[in-house]
Amino acid sequence: METPRFCKVGDRPVKAVLEDDGFGVYAFDWKTGYFILDLSYLEKIYFGRMDDVEILTEKEFNAYVDKLKKEKGFD
């Protein structure tokens, strides 16, 4: 599987990364503004229908996350 992968699933930022301790899929938590491990997105971002998944570059992803955090008051 291609990593890292940066996506929007609907409006939620989701990223898949390979780290020192293994592979993880992390979704933006609307309550805290942090990314939390959520493997329920694994199938959707790699094998699901792409009509509700938008693949982003890392730069696009980070800009979108920054925008969300400002809008939600997490900055």
Protein backbone atom coordinates (compact mmCIF):
# COMPACT_ATOMS: atom_id res chain seq x y z
CA MET A 1 0.00 0.00 0.00
CA GLU A 2 1.20 3.44 -0.86
CA THR A 3 2.24 5.54 2.14
CA PRO A 4 1.99 8.19 3.12
CA ARG A 5 -1.51 8.83 1.79
CA PHE A 6 -3.33 12.07 2.51
CA CYS A 7 -7.07 12.25 1.91
CA LYS A 8 -10.33 13.98 2.56
CA VAL A 9 -13.12 11.53 3.29
CA GLY A 10 -16.15 13.72 2.97
CA ASP A 11 -14.91 16.74 4.95
CA ARG A 12 -12.68 14.75 7.35
CA PRO A 13 -8.91 14.77 6.84
CA VAL A 14 -7.49 11.24 7.02
CA LYS A 15 -3.88 10.17 6.62
CA ALA A 16 -2.16 6.82 6.35
CA VAL A 17 1.47 6.75 7.42
CA LEU A 18 4.22 4.27 8.06
CA GLU A 19 6.03 5.13 11.28
CA ASP A 20 8.77 3.52 13.33
CA ASP A 21 6.19 1.57 15.32
CA GLY A 22 4.16 0.46 12.28
CA PHE A 23 1.41 1.47 9.90
CA GLY A 24 -1.48 3.62 11.01
CA VAL A 25 -4.51 5.42 9.65
CA TYR A 26 -5.37 8.62 11.49
CA ALA A 27 -8.54 10.68 11.24
CA PHE A 28 -9.06 14.27 12.30
CA ASP A 29 -11.04 14.43 15.54
CA TRP A 30 -13.66 17.18 15.34
CA LYS A 31 -13.72 17.58 19.16
CA THR A 32 -10.00 18.04 19.79
CA GLY A 33 -8.39 19.04 16.50
CA TYR A 34 -5.90 16.18 16.84
CA PHE A 35 -5.50 13.09 14.70
CA ILE A 36 -6.54 9.82 16.30
CA LEU A 37 -5.86 6.27 15.20
CA ASP A 38 -8.90 5.05 13.28
CA LEU A 39 -8.36 1.93 11.21
CA SER A 40 -12.00 2.00 10.09
CA TYR A 41 -10.84 4.31 7.27
CA LEU A 42 -8.23 1.85 5.96
CA GLU A 43 -10.50 0.04 3.53
CA LYS A 44 -12.21 3.23 2.40
CA ILE A 45 -9.04 5.15 1.49
CA TYR A 46 -7.31 2.22 -0.21
CA PHE A 47 -10.06 -0.02 -1.57
CA GLY A 48 -13.34 1.87 -1.32
CA ARG A 49 -15.32 3.88 -3.77
CA MET A 50 -13.47 7.03 -4.62
CA ASP A 51 -16.53 9.25 -5.02
CA ASP A 52 -16.30 10.39 -1.39
CA VAL A 53 -12.49 10.12 -1.03
CA GLU A 54 -10.25 12.85 -2.40
CA ILE A 55 -6.51 12.12 -2.55
CA LEU A 56 -4.45 15.22 -1.69
CA THR A 57 -0.80 16.13 -1.78
CA GLU A 58 0.82 16.59 1.63
CA LYS A 59 0.88 20.36 1.05
CA GLU A 60 -2.84 20.46 0.15
CA PHE A 61 -3.65 18.25 3.13
CA ASN A 62 -1.72 20.41 5.61
CA ALA A 63 -3.33 23.58 4.25
CA TYR A 64 -6.79 22.03 4.61
CA VAL A 65 -6.05 20.88 8.18
CA ASP A 66 -4.74 24.35 9.10
CA LYS A 67 -7.91 25.90 7.67
CA LEU A 68 -10.14 23.51 9.65
CA LYS A 69 -8.26 24.14 12.88
CA LYS A 70 -8.66 27.91 12.47
CA GLU A 71 -12.36 27.57 11.66
CA LYS A 72 -12.94 25.33 14.69
CA GLY A 73 -10.85 27.50 17.02
CA PHE A 74 -8.05 25.00 17.65
CA ASP A 75 -5.25 27.43 16.86
